[in-house]
Amino acid sequence: MMLVEVVLMEGKGNLTLTGQLGEVMQESAQAALSYARANAQVLNLPDPQEFDKLDIHIHLPEGAVPKDGPSAGITLATALISALSQRPVRHDVGMTGEITLRGRVLPIGGLKEKVMAVRRAGLKTIILPEENRRDLTEIPSKVQRNLDFIFVQHMEKVLDIALLDQVTDG
């Protein structure tokens, strides 16, 4: 399990990544940002030109633990789009999947370990790549009974499931 924090600040369009992210995970964060910028209008995000006035800091806590791999792509994208859209992420959902620049969700490895981590964390729902559906045979049936598996092919569905309505002041 990995938490992702995103902070937006007035700035010059810089992206800062912290928390001992390896090269592949840094690339996933870049892909998430490119997806958000390219789909800003559809996602009700600031105009893409406004991104040049924002600094974005993505942090994965527990900096002493090195992190790498593409599996956090949809998680990074969800956290980033949450911050940009001011729509909070549901706290009862875990997710894993690689993201492409066009928002496709690609399969991941280590499904059993990731599902077990979601279960240990007490979450009830996990969003997974559609192509990993066949890998459910690796998961004990008693674990499967206690989890809601949602399989996705595109980032839009991830956001529909994971994000709550926009927060309003007052």
N, C-alpha and C. Protein backbone atom coordinates (compact mmCIF):
# COMPACT_ATOMS: atom_id res chain seq x y z
N MET A 1 0.86 -1.18 0.00
CA MET A 1 0.00 0.00 0.00
C MET A 1 0.89 1.23 0.00
N MET A 2 0.45 2.21 -0.75
CA MET A 2 1.24 3.41 -0.90
C MET A 2 0.28 4.61 -0.95
N LEU A 3 0.53 5.58 -0.12
CA LEU A 3 -0.25 6.81 -0.15
C LEU A 3 0.42 7.78 -1.11
N VAL A 4 -0.39 8.62 -1.73
CA VAL A 4 0.12 9.63 -2.65
C VAL A 4 -0.46 10.98 -2.23
N GLU A 5 0.41 11.96 -2.07
CA GLU A 5 -0.02 13.32 -1.73
C GLU A 5 0.32 14.23 -2.90
N VAL A 6 -0.59 15.17 -3.18
CA VAL A 6 -0.35 16.15 -4.23
C VAL A 6 -0.70 17.53 -3.68
N VAL A 7 0.21 18.47 -3.89
CA VAL A 7 -0.01 19.85 -3.50
C VAL A 7 0.19 20.73 -4.73
N LEU A 8 -0.71 21.68 -4.92
CA LEU A 8 -0.62 22.65 -6.00
C LEU A 8 -0.25 24.00 -5.41
N MET A 9 0.66 24.70 -6.07
CA MET A 9 1.08 26.02 -5.62
C MET A 9 1.23 26.95 -6.81
N GLU A 10 1.05 28.22 -6.55
CA GLU A 10 1.33 29.19 -7.60
C GLU A 10 2.80 29.03 -7.98
N GLY A 11 3.08 29.04 -9.26
CA GLY A 11 4.46 28.83 -9.67
C GLY A 11 4.66 29.00 -11.15
N LYS A 12 5.55 28.18 -11.70
CA LYS A 12 5.96 28.33 -13.09
C LYS A 12 5.83 27.04 -13.90
N GLY A 13 4.98 26.12 -13.45
CA GLY A 13 4.76 24.90 -14.21
C GLY A 13 5.71 23.77 -13.87
N ASN A 14 6.35 23.84 -12.71
CA ASN A 14 7.29 22.79 -12.32
C ASN A 14 6.57 21.60 -11.72
N LEU A 15 7.12 20.42 -11.95
CA LEU A 15 6.65 19.20 -11.32
C LEU A 15 7.76 18.68 -10.43
N THR A 16 7.47 18.55 -9.14
CA THR A 16 8.43 18.02 -8.17
C THR A 16 7.92 16.66 -7.70
N LEU A 17 8.81 15.67 -7.70
CA LEU A 17 8.47 14.32 -7.25
C LEU A 17 9.40 13.95 -6.11
N THR A 18 8.84 13.57 -4.97
CA THR A 18 9.66 13.20 -3.83
C THR A 18 9.13 11.91 -3.20
N GLY A 19 10.01 11.26 -2.43
CA GLY A 19 9.65 10.04 -1.74
C GLY A 19 10.38 8.83 -2.29
N GLN A 20 11.59 9.03 -2.80
CA GLN A 20 12.42 7.96 -3.37
C GLN A 20 11.72 7.22 -4.50
N LEU A 21 11.24 7.97 -5.48
CA LEU A 21 10.61 7.37 -6.65
C LEU A 21 11.68 6.96 -7.64
N GLY A 22 11.61 5.73 -8.11
CA GLY A 22 12.52 5.27 -9.14
C GLY A 22 12.17 5.86 -10.49
N GLU A 23 12.99 5.58 -11.48
CA GLU A 23 12.83 6.17 -12.81
C GLU A 23 11.49 5.81 -13.44
N VAL A 24 11.05 4.57 -13.33
CA VAL A 24 9.79 4.15 -13.95
C VAL A 24 8.61 4.86 -13.28
N MET A 25 8.66 5.00 -11.96
CA MET A 25 7.56 5.68 -11.27
C MET A 25 7.56 7.18 -11.60
N GLN A 26 8.73 7.76 -11.78
CA GLN A 26 8.79 9.16 -12.21
C GLN A 26 8.15 9.31 -13.59
N GLU A 27 8.40 8.36 -14.46
CA GLU A 27 7.79 8.39 -15.79
C GLU A 27 6.27 8.25 -15.69
N SER A 28 5.80 7.43 -14.76
CA SER A 28 4.35 7.28 -14.56
C SER A 28 3.73 8.60 -14.11
N ALA A 29 4.44 9.32 -13.25
CA ALA A 29 3.93 10.63 -12.80
C ALA A 29 3.89 11.62 -13.97
N GLN A 30 4.90 11.60 -14.81
CA GLN A 30 4.91 12.46 -16.00
C GLN A 30 3.76 12.10 -16.93
N ALA A 31 3.52 10.80 -17.11
CA ALA A 31 2.42 10.35 -17.97
C ALA A 31 1.08 10.79 -17.38
N ALA A 32 0.94 10.71 -16.07
CA ALA A 32 -0.30 11.14 -15.40
C ALA A 32 -0.54 12.63 -15.64
N LEU A 33 0.50 13.42 -15.52
CA LEU A 33 0.37 14.86 -15.75
C LEU A 33 0.02 15.14 -17.22
N SER A 34 0.66 14.46 -18.14
CA SER A 34 0.36 14.66 -19.55
C SER A 34 -1.09 14.26 -19.86
N TYR A 35 -1.55 13.16 -19.28
CA TYR A 35 -2.94 12.75 -19.47
C TYR A 35 -3.89 13.84 -18.95
N ALA A 36 -3.61 14.36 -17.77
CA ALA A 36 -4.47 15.40 -17.18
C ALA A 36 -4.48 16.65 -18.05
N ARG A 37 -3.33 17.07 -18.50
CA ARG A 37 -3.26 18.28 -19.34
C ARG A 37 -3.99 18.08 -20.67
N ALA A 38 -3.78 16.93 -21.29
CA ALA A 38 -4.39 16.66 -22.60
C ALA A 38 -5.91 16.53 -22.50
N ASN A 39 -6.41 16.18 -21.32
CA ASN A 39 -7.85 15.96 -21.14
C ASN A 39 -8.47 16.95 -20.17
N ALA A 40 -7.82 18.08 -19.99
CA ALA A 40 -8.25 19.06 -18.99
C ALA A 40 -9.71 19.47 -19.18
N GLN A 41 -10.13 19.73 -20.39
CA GLN A 41 -11.51 20.19 -20.61
C GLN A 41 -12.52 19.11 -20.23
N VAL A 42 -12.31 17.89 -20.68
CA VAL A 42 -13.21 16.78 -20.38
C VAL A 42 -13.26 16.50 -18.88
N LEU A 43 -12.13 16.66 -18.21
CA LEU A 43 -12.03 16.36 -16.78
C LEU A 43 -12.41 17.55 -15.90
N ASN A 44 -12.82 18.66 -16.51
CA ASN A 44 -13.17 19.88 -15.78
C ASN A 44 -12.00 20.38 -14.92
N LEU A 45 -10.83 20.41 -15.53
CA LEU A 45 -9.63 20.89 -14.86
C LEU A 45 -9.32 22.29 -15.38
N PRO A 46 -8.38 22.97 -14.74
CA PRO A 46 -7.99 24.28 -15.26
C PRO A 46 -7.53 24.17 -16.72
N ASP A 47 -7.66 25.25 -17.45
CA ASP A 47 -7.20 25.30 -18.83
C ASP A 47 -5.74 24.85 -18.87
N PRO A 48 -5.36 24.07 -19.88
CA PRO A 48 -3.98 23.58 -19.95
C PRO A 48 -2.92 24.68 -19.85
N GLN A 49 -3.24 25.89 -20.33
CA GLN A 49 -2.28 26.99 -20.23
C GLN A 49 -2.10 27.44 -18.78
N GLU A 50 -3.10 27.19 -17.94
CA GLU A 50 -3.00 27.55 -16.52
C GLU A 50 -2.00 26.65 -15.78
N PHE A 51 -1.74 25.47 -16.34
CA PHE A 51 -0.76 24.56 -15.73
C PHE A 51 0.61 25.24 -15.65
N ASP A 52 0.89 26.14 -16.60
CA ASP A 52 2.18 26.84 -16.62
C ASP A 52 2.31 27.81 -15.45
N LYS A 53 1.22 28.07 -14.74
CA LYS A 53 1.24 28.98 -13.59
C LYS A 53 1.17 28.21 -12.27
N LEU A 54 1.19 26.88 -12.38
CA LEU A 54 1.09 26.03 -11.19
C LEU A 54 2.35 25.20 -11.03
N ASP A 55 2.83 25.11 -9.81
CA ASP A 55 3.84 24.11 -9.48
C ASP A 55 3.10 22.96 -8.83
N ILE A 56 3.46 21.76 -9.20
CA ILE A 56 2.81 20.55 -8.68
C ILE A 56 3.86 19.74 -7.95
N HIS A 57 3.54 19.39 -6.71
CA HIS A 57 4.44 18.55 -5.92
C HIS A 57 3.71 17.25 -5.61
N ILE A 58 4.27 16.15 -6.09
CA ILE A 58 3.73 14.82 -5.80
C ILE A 58 4.70 14.14 -4.84
N HIS A 59 4.16 13.68 -3.72
CA HIS A 59 5.00 13.07 -2.69
C HIS A 59 4.43 11.72 -2.28
N LEU A 60 5.29 10.74 -2.20
CA LEU A 60 4.92 9.43 -1.67
C LEU A 60 5.62 9.28 -0.33
N PRO A 61 4.86 9.37 0.78
CA PRO A 61 5.47 9.29 2.10
C PRO A 61 6.27 8.01 2.30
N GLU A 62 6.96 7.95 3.42
CA GLU A 62 7.89 6.87 3.75
C GLU A 62 9.07 6.94 2.80
N GLY A 63 9.71 8.10 2.77
CA GLY A 63 10.81 8.38 1.86
C GLY A 63 12.00 7.45 2.00
N ALA A 64 12.13 6.76 3.12
CA ALA A 64 13.25 5.84 3.30
C ALA A 64 13.08 4.57 2.49
N VAL A 65 11.86 4.34 1.98
CA VAL A 65 11.57 3.12 1.22
C VAL A 65 11.59 3.44 -0.27
N PRO A 66 12.54 2.89 -1.03
CA PRO A 66 12.55 3.12 -2.48
C PRO A 66 11.30 2.55 -3.14
N LYS A 67 10.78 3.28 -4.13
CA LYS A 67 9.56 2.86 -4.82
C LYS A 67 9.80 2.96 -6.33
N ASP A 68 9.40 1.90 -7.05
CA ASP A 68 9.53 1.96 -8.49
C ASP A 68 8.55 0.99 -9.14
N GLY A 69 8.34 1.16 -10.41
CA GLY A 69 7.43 0.33 -11.17
C GLY A 69 6.26 1.13 -11.68
N PRO A 70 5.59 0.62 -12.70
CA PRO A 70 4.50 1.35 -13.34
C PRO A 70 3.14 1.17 -12.66
N SER A 71 3.05 0.29 -11.68
CA SER A 71 1.74 -0.08 -11.10
C SER A 71 1.00 1.07 -10.44
N ALA A 72 1.69 2.11 -10.05
CA ALA A 72 1.05 3.24 -9.37
C ALA A 72 0.54 4.30 -10.35
N GLY A 73 0.60 4.04 -11.63
CA GLY A 73 0.21 5.05 -12.62
C GLY A 73 -1.19 5.60 -12.42
N ILE A 74 -2.19 4.73 -12.26
CA ILE A 74 -3.55 5.24 -12.10
C ILE A 74 -3.74 5.91 -10.74
N THR A 75 -2.97 5.47 -9.76
CA THR A 75 -3.04 6.10 -8.43
C THR A 75 -2.47 7.51 -8.50
N LEU A 76 -1.33 7.66 -9.15
CA LEU A 76 -0.73 8.98 -9.31
C LEU A 76 -1.66 9.90 -10.10
N ALA A 77 -2.24 9.39 -11.17
CA ALA A 77 -3.16 10.20 -11.98
C ALA A 77 -4.39 10.60 -11.19
N THR A 78 -4.94 9.67 -10.42
CA THR A 78 -6.13 9.97 -9.61
C THR A 78 -5.82 11.05 -8.57
N ALA A 79 -4.69 10.93 -7.89
CA ALA A 79 -4.32 11.92 -6.88
C ALA A 79 -4.11 13.30 -7.52
N LEU A 80 -3.45 13.33 -8.65
CA LEU A 80 -3.20 14.59 -9.35
C LEU A 80 -4.51 15.22 -9.82
N ILE A 81 -5.37 14.45 -10.44
CA ILE A 81 -6.64 14.97 -10.94
C ILE A 81 -7.55 15.38 -9.78
N SER A 82 -7.46 14.67 -8.67
CA SER A 82 -8.20 15.05 -7.46
C SER A 82 -7.80 16.46 -7.02
N ALA A 83 -6.51 16.71 -6.95
CA ALA A 83 -6.03 18.03 -6.53
C ALA A 83 -6.45 19.12 -7.52
N LEU A 84 -6.31 18.83 -8.79
CA LEU A 84 -6.64 19.83 -9.81
C LEU A 84 -8.14 20.11 -9.91
N SER A 85 -8.95 19.11 -9.67
CA SER A 85 -10.40 19.27 -9.79
C SER A 85 -11.08 19.59 -8.47
N GLN A 86 -10.33 19.53 -7.38
CA GLN A 86 -10.85 19.73 -6.02
C GLN A 86 -11.94 18.70 -5.70
N ARG A 87 -11.78 17.50 -6.23
CA ARG A 87 -12.67 16.38 -5.93
C ARG A 87 -11.90 15.39 -5.08
N PRO A 88 -12.32 15.15 -3.84
CA PRO A 88 -11.57 14.23 -2.98
C PRO A 88 -11.65 12.78 -3.47
N VAL A 89 -10.63 12.02 -3.11
CA VAL A 89 -10.58 10.60 -3.44
C VAL A 89 -11.26 9.82 -2.32
N ARG A 90 -12.06 8.83 -2.70
CA ARG A 90 -12.67 7.95 -1.71
C ARG A 90 -11.57 7.27 -0.89
N HIS A 91 -11.79 7.15 0.40
CA HIS A 91 -10.79 6.55 1.28
C HIS A 91 -10.95 5.05 1.44
N ASP A 92 -11.97 4.48 0.81
CA ASP A 92 -12.22 3.05 0.96
C ASP A 92 -11.86 2.26 -0.29
N VAL A 93 -11.11 2.88 -1.20
CA VAL A 93 -10.77 2.26 -2.47
C VAL A 93 -9.26 2.18 -2.64
N GLY A 94 -8.79 1.01 -3.03
CA GLY A 94 -7.40 0.84 -3.44
C GLY A 94 -7.37 0.68 -4.95
N MET A 95 -6.23 0.89 -5.55
CA MET A 95 -6.14 0.77 -7.01
C MET A 95 -4.72 0.48 -7.44
N THR A 96 -4.62 -0.16 -8.58
CA THR A 96 -3.32 -0.41 -9.18
C THR A 96 -3.50 -0.55 -10.68
N GLY A 97 -2.54 -0.05 -11.42
CA GLY A 97 -2.58 -0.15 -12.88
C GLY A 97 -1.65 0.87 -13.51
N GLU A 98 -1.06 0.48 -14.61
CA GLU A 98 -0.22 1.39 -15.37
C GLU A 98 -1.11 2.26 -16.23
N ILE A 99 -0.73 3.51 -16.44
CA ILE A 99 -1.50 4.43 -17.29
C ILE A 99 -0.69 4.79 -18.53
N THR A 100 -1.40 4.91 -19.66
CA THR A 100 -0.76 5.39 -20.88
C THR A 100 -1.09 6.88 -21.03
N LEU A 101 -0.44 7.52 -21.98
CA LEU A 101 -0.71 8.94 -22.23
C LEU A 101 -2.14 9.19 -22.65
N ARG A 102 -2.79 8.21 -23.23
CA ARG A 102 -4.18 8.34 -23.67
C ARG A 102 -5.17 7.85 -22.63
N GLY A 103 -4.66 7.44 -21.45
CA GLY A 103 -5.53 7.04 -20.37
C GLY A 103 -5.92 5.58 -20.32
N ARG A 104 -5.32 4.77 -21.18
CA ARG A 104 -5.60 3.33 -21.08
C ARG A 104 -4.95 2.79 -19.82
N VAL A 105 -5.60 1.80 -19.21
CA VAL A 105 -5.08 1.17 -18.00
C VAL A 105 -4.51 -0.18 -18.40
N LEU A 106 -3.21 -0.35 -18.17
CA LEU A 106 -2.49 -1.55 -18.56
C LEU A 106 -2.30 -2.48 -17.37
N PRO A 107 -2.12 -3.78 -17.63
CA PRO A 107 -1.99 -4.75 -16.55
C PRO A 107 -0.71 -4.58 -15.73
N ILE A 108 -0.76 -5.18 -14.56
CA ILE A 108 0.36 -5.10 -13.61
C ILE A 108 0.77 -6.50 -13.20
N GLY A 109 1.92 -6.61 -12.59
CA GLY A 109 2.37 -7.86 -12.00
C GLY A 109 2.16 -7.83 -10.50
N GLY A 110 2.33 -8.97 -9.87
CA GLY A 110 2.22 -9.05 -8.42
C GLY A 110 0.83 -8.81 -7.88
N LEU A 111 -0.18 -9.24 -8.62
CA LEU A 111 -1.56 -8.96 -8.22
C LEU A 111 -1.88 -9.51 -6.83
N LYS A 112 -1.49 -10.73 -6.55
CA LYS A 112 -1.83 -11.34 -5.27
C LYS A 112 -1.32 -10.49 -4.11
N GLU A 113 -0.09 -10.05 -4.17
CA GLU A 113 0.50 -9.25 -3.10
C GLU A 113 -0.23 -7.92 -2.94
N LYS A 114 -0.61 -7.32 -4.05
CA LYS A 114 -1.31 -6.04 -3.99
C LYS A 114 -2.72 -6.19 -3.42
N VAL A 115 -3.40 -7.26 -3.81
CA VAL A 115 -4.74 -7.50 -3.27
C VAL A 115 -4.67 -7.79 -1.77
N MET A 116 -3.68 -8.55 -1.36
CA MET A 116 -3.53 -8.86 0.07
C MET A 116 -3.22 -7.58 0.86
N ALA A 117 -2.46 -6.68 0.31
CA ALA A 117 -2.16 -5.40 0.98
C ALA A 117 -3.43 -4.58 1.15
N VAL A 118 -4.28 -4.56 0.12
CA VAL A 118 -5.55 -3.83 0.19
C VAL A 118 -6.41 -4.43 1.30
N ARG A 119 -6.45 -5.74 1.36
CA ARG A 119 -7.24 -6.42 2.39
C ARG A 119 -6.71 -6.10 3.79
N ARG A 120 -5.38 -6.17 3.96
CA ARG A 120 -4.76 -5.87 5.27
C ARG A 120 -5.06 -4.43 5.70
N ALA A 121 -5.17 -3.54 4.74
CA ALA A 121 -5.46 -2.14 5.04
C ALA A 121 -6.92 -1.91 5.41
N GLY A 122 -7.75 -2.93 5.24
CA GLY A 122 -9.16 -2.81 5.60
C GLY A 122 -10.04 -2.20 4.52
N LEU A 123 -9.51 -2.07 3.32
CA LEU A 123 -10.32 -1.54 2.23
C LEU A 123 -11.22 -2.64 1.70
N LYS A 124 -12.34 -2.22 1.10
CA LYS A 124 -13.30 -3.20 0.59
C LYS A 124 -13.35 -3.25 -0.93
N THR A 125 -12.83 -2.21 -1.59
CA THR A 125 -12.91 -2.11 -3.05
C THR A 125 -11.52 -1.93 -3.62
N ILE A 126 -11.26 -2.62 -4.73
CA ILE A 126 -9.99 -2.44 -5.42
C ILE A 126 -10.25 -2.32 -6.92
N ILE A 127 -9.64 -1.30 -7.52
CA ILE A 127 -9.73 -1.06 -8.95
C ILE A 127 -8.51 -1.70 -9.60
N LEU A 128 -8.77 -2.55 -10.59
CA LEU A 128 -7.70 -3.30 -11.26
C LEU A 128 -7.83 -3.20 -12.78
N PRO A 129 -6.71 -3.38 -13.48
CA PRO A 129 -6.80 -3.43 -14.95
C PRO A 129 -7.63 -4.62 -15.42
N GLU A 130 -8.44 -4.40 -16.42
CA GLU A 130 -9.27 -5.47 -16.99
C GLU A 130 -8.43 -6.69 -17.36
N GLU A 131 -7.25 -6.44 -17.91
CA GLU A 131 -6.40 -7.55 -18.35
C GLU A 131 -5.89 -8.42 -17.19
N ASN A 132 -6.04 -7.95 -15.96
CA ASN A 132 -5.65 -8.76 -14.80
C ASN A 132 -6.79 -9.62 -14.27
N ARG A 133 -7.96 -9.54 -14.87
CA ARG A 133 -9.11 -10.32 -14.41
C ARG A 133 -8.76 -11.81 -14.35
N ARG A 134 -8.05 -12.28 -15.36
CA ARG A 134 -7.69 -13.70 -15.41
C ARG A 134 -6.77 -14.12 -14.26
N ASP A 135 -6.10 -13.17 -13.64
CA ASP A 135 -5.16 -13.47 -12.55
C ASP A 135 -5.86 -13.66 -11.21
N LEU A 136 -7.17 -13.46 -11.16
CA LEU A 136 -7.89 -13.64 -9.90
C LEU A 136 -7.78 -15.07 -9.38
N THR A 137 -7.44 -15.99 -10.23
CA THR A 137 -7.29 -17.38 -9.78
C THR A 137 -6.17 -17.51 -8.75
N GLU A 138 -5.25 -16.53 -8.72
CA GLU A 138 -4.16 -16.53 -7.74
C GLU A 138 -4.64 -16.13 -6.35
N ILE A 139 -5.80 -15.51 -6.26
CA ILE A 139 -6.30 -14.96 -5.01
C ILE A 139 -7.20 -15.99 -4.34
N PRO A 140 -6.91 -16.33 -3.07
CA PRO A 140 -7.77 -17.30 -2.37
C PRO A 140 -9.23 -16.83 -2.36
N SER A 141 -10.15 -17.79 -2.51
CA SER A 141 -11.57 -17.45 -2.58
C SER A 141 -12.06 -16.75 -1.32
N LYS A 142 -11.52 -17.09 -0.15
CA LYS A 142 -11.97 -16.42 1.07
C LYS A 142 -11.56 -14.94 1.07
N VAL A 143 -10.49 -14.60 0.40
CA VAL A 143 -10.09 -13.19 0.26
C VAL A 143 -11.00 -12.51 -0.75
N GLN A 144 -11.30 -13.19 -1.85
CA GLN A 144 -12.16 -12.61 -2.88
C GLN A 144 -13.55 -12.29 -2.35
N ARG A 145 -14.07 -13.12 -1.45
CA ARG A 145 -15.41 -12.91 -0.92
C ARG A 145 -15.54 -11.59 -0.16
N ASN A 146 -14.46 -11.10 0.37
CA ASN A 146 -14.50 -9.89 1.20
C ASN A 146 -14.12 -8.62 0.45
N LEU A 147 -13.89 -8.73 -0.84
CA LEU A 147 -13.47 -7.57 -1.63
C LEU A 147 -14.36 -7.39 -2.86
N ASP A 148 -14.55 -6.13 -3.23
CA ASP A 148 -15.26 -5.80 -4.46
C ASP A 148 -14.20 -5.44 -5.50
N PHE A 149 -14.06 -6.29 -6.51
CA PHE A 149 -13.08 -6.07 -7.57
C PHE A 149 -13.77 -5.32 -8.71
N ILE A 150 -13.20 -4.19 -9.10
CA ILE A 150 -13.72 -3.42 -10.23
C ILE A 150 -12.62 -3.37 -11.29
N PHE A 151 -12.93 -3.91 -12.46
CA PHE A 151 -11.96 -3.98 -13.54
C PHE A 151 -12.21 -2.85 -14.53
N VAL A 152 -11.13 -2.20 -14.93
CA VAL A 152 -11.24 -1.03 -15.80
C VAL A 152 -10.27 -1.14 -16.97
N GLN A 153 -10.62 -0.43 -18.04
CA GLN A 153 -9.75 -0.35 -19.21
C GLN A 153 -9.26 1.07 -19.46
N HIS A 154 -9.94 2.05 -18.83
CA HIS A 154 -9.60 3.45 -19.11
C HIS A 154 -9.65 4.29 -17.83
N MET A 155 -8.86 5.31 -17.82
CA MET A 155 -8.74 6.19 -16.66
C MET A 155 -10.06 6.87 -16.31
N GLU A 156 -10.90 7.16 -17.30
CA GLU A 156 -12.18 7.82 -17.02
C GLU A 156 -13.02 7.00 -16.04
N LYS A 157 -13.02 5.69 -16.19
CA LYS A 157 -13.79 4.84 -15.28
C LYS A 157 -13.16 4.85 -13.88
N VAL A 158 -11.84 4.86 -13.82
CA VAL A 158 -11.15 4.95 -12.52
C VAL A 158 -11.63 6.19 -11.78
N LEU A 159 -11.64 7.31 -12.47
CA LEU A 159 -12.05 8.58 -11.86
C LEU A 159 -13.51 8.56 -11.45
N ASP A 160 -14.37 7.97 -12.27
CA ASP A 160 -15.79 7.86 -11.93
C ASP A 160 -15.98 7.10 -10.62
N ILE A 161 -15.18 6.09 -10.40
CA ILE A 161 -15.30 5.26 -9.20
C ILE A 161 -14.61 5.92 -8.00
N ALA A 162 -13.41 6.43 -8.21
CA ALA A 162 -12.54 6.85 -7.10
C ALA A 162 -12.79 8.26 -6.58
N LEU A 163 -13.29 9.16 -7.42
CA LEU A 163 -13.44 10.55 -6.99
C LEU A 163 -14.85 10.84 -6.51
N LEU A 164 -14.93 11.61 -5.43
CA LEU A 164 -16.20 12.08 -4.91
C LEU A 164 -16.56 13.39 -5.60
N ASP A 165 -17.72 13.93 -5.28
CA ASP A 165 -18.13 15.22 -5.86
C ASP A 165 -17.20 16.32 -5.40
N GLN A 166 -17.21 17.40 -6.17
CA GLN A 166 -16.35 18.54 -5.89
C GLN A 166 -16.67 19.15 -4.54
N VAL A 167 -15.61 19.52 -3.83
CA VAL A 167 -15.76 20.18 -2.53
C VAL A 167 -16.12 21.65 -2.77
N THR A 168 -17.12 22.14 -2.04
CA THR A 168 -17.48 23.56 -2.16
C THR A 168 -17.28 24.22 -0.81
N ASP A 169 -16.92 25.48 -0.83
CA ASP A 169 -16.74 26.25 0.41
C ASP A 169 -18.11 26.61 0.98
N GLY A 170 -18.17 26.68 2.30
CA GLY A 170 -19.37 27.18 2.94
C GLY A 170 -20.20 26.10 3.43
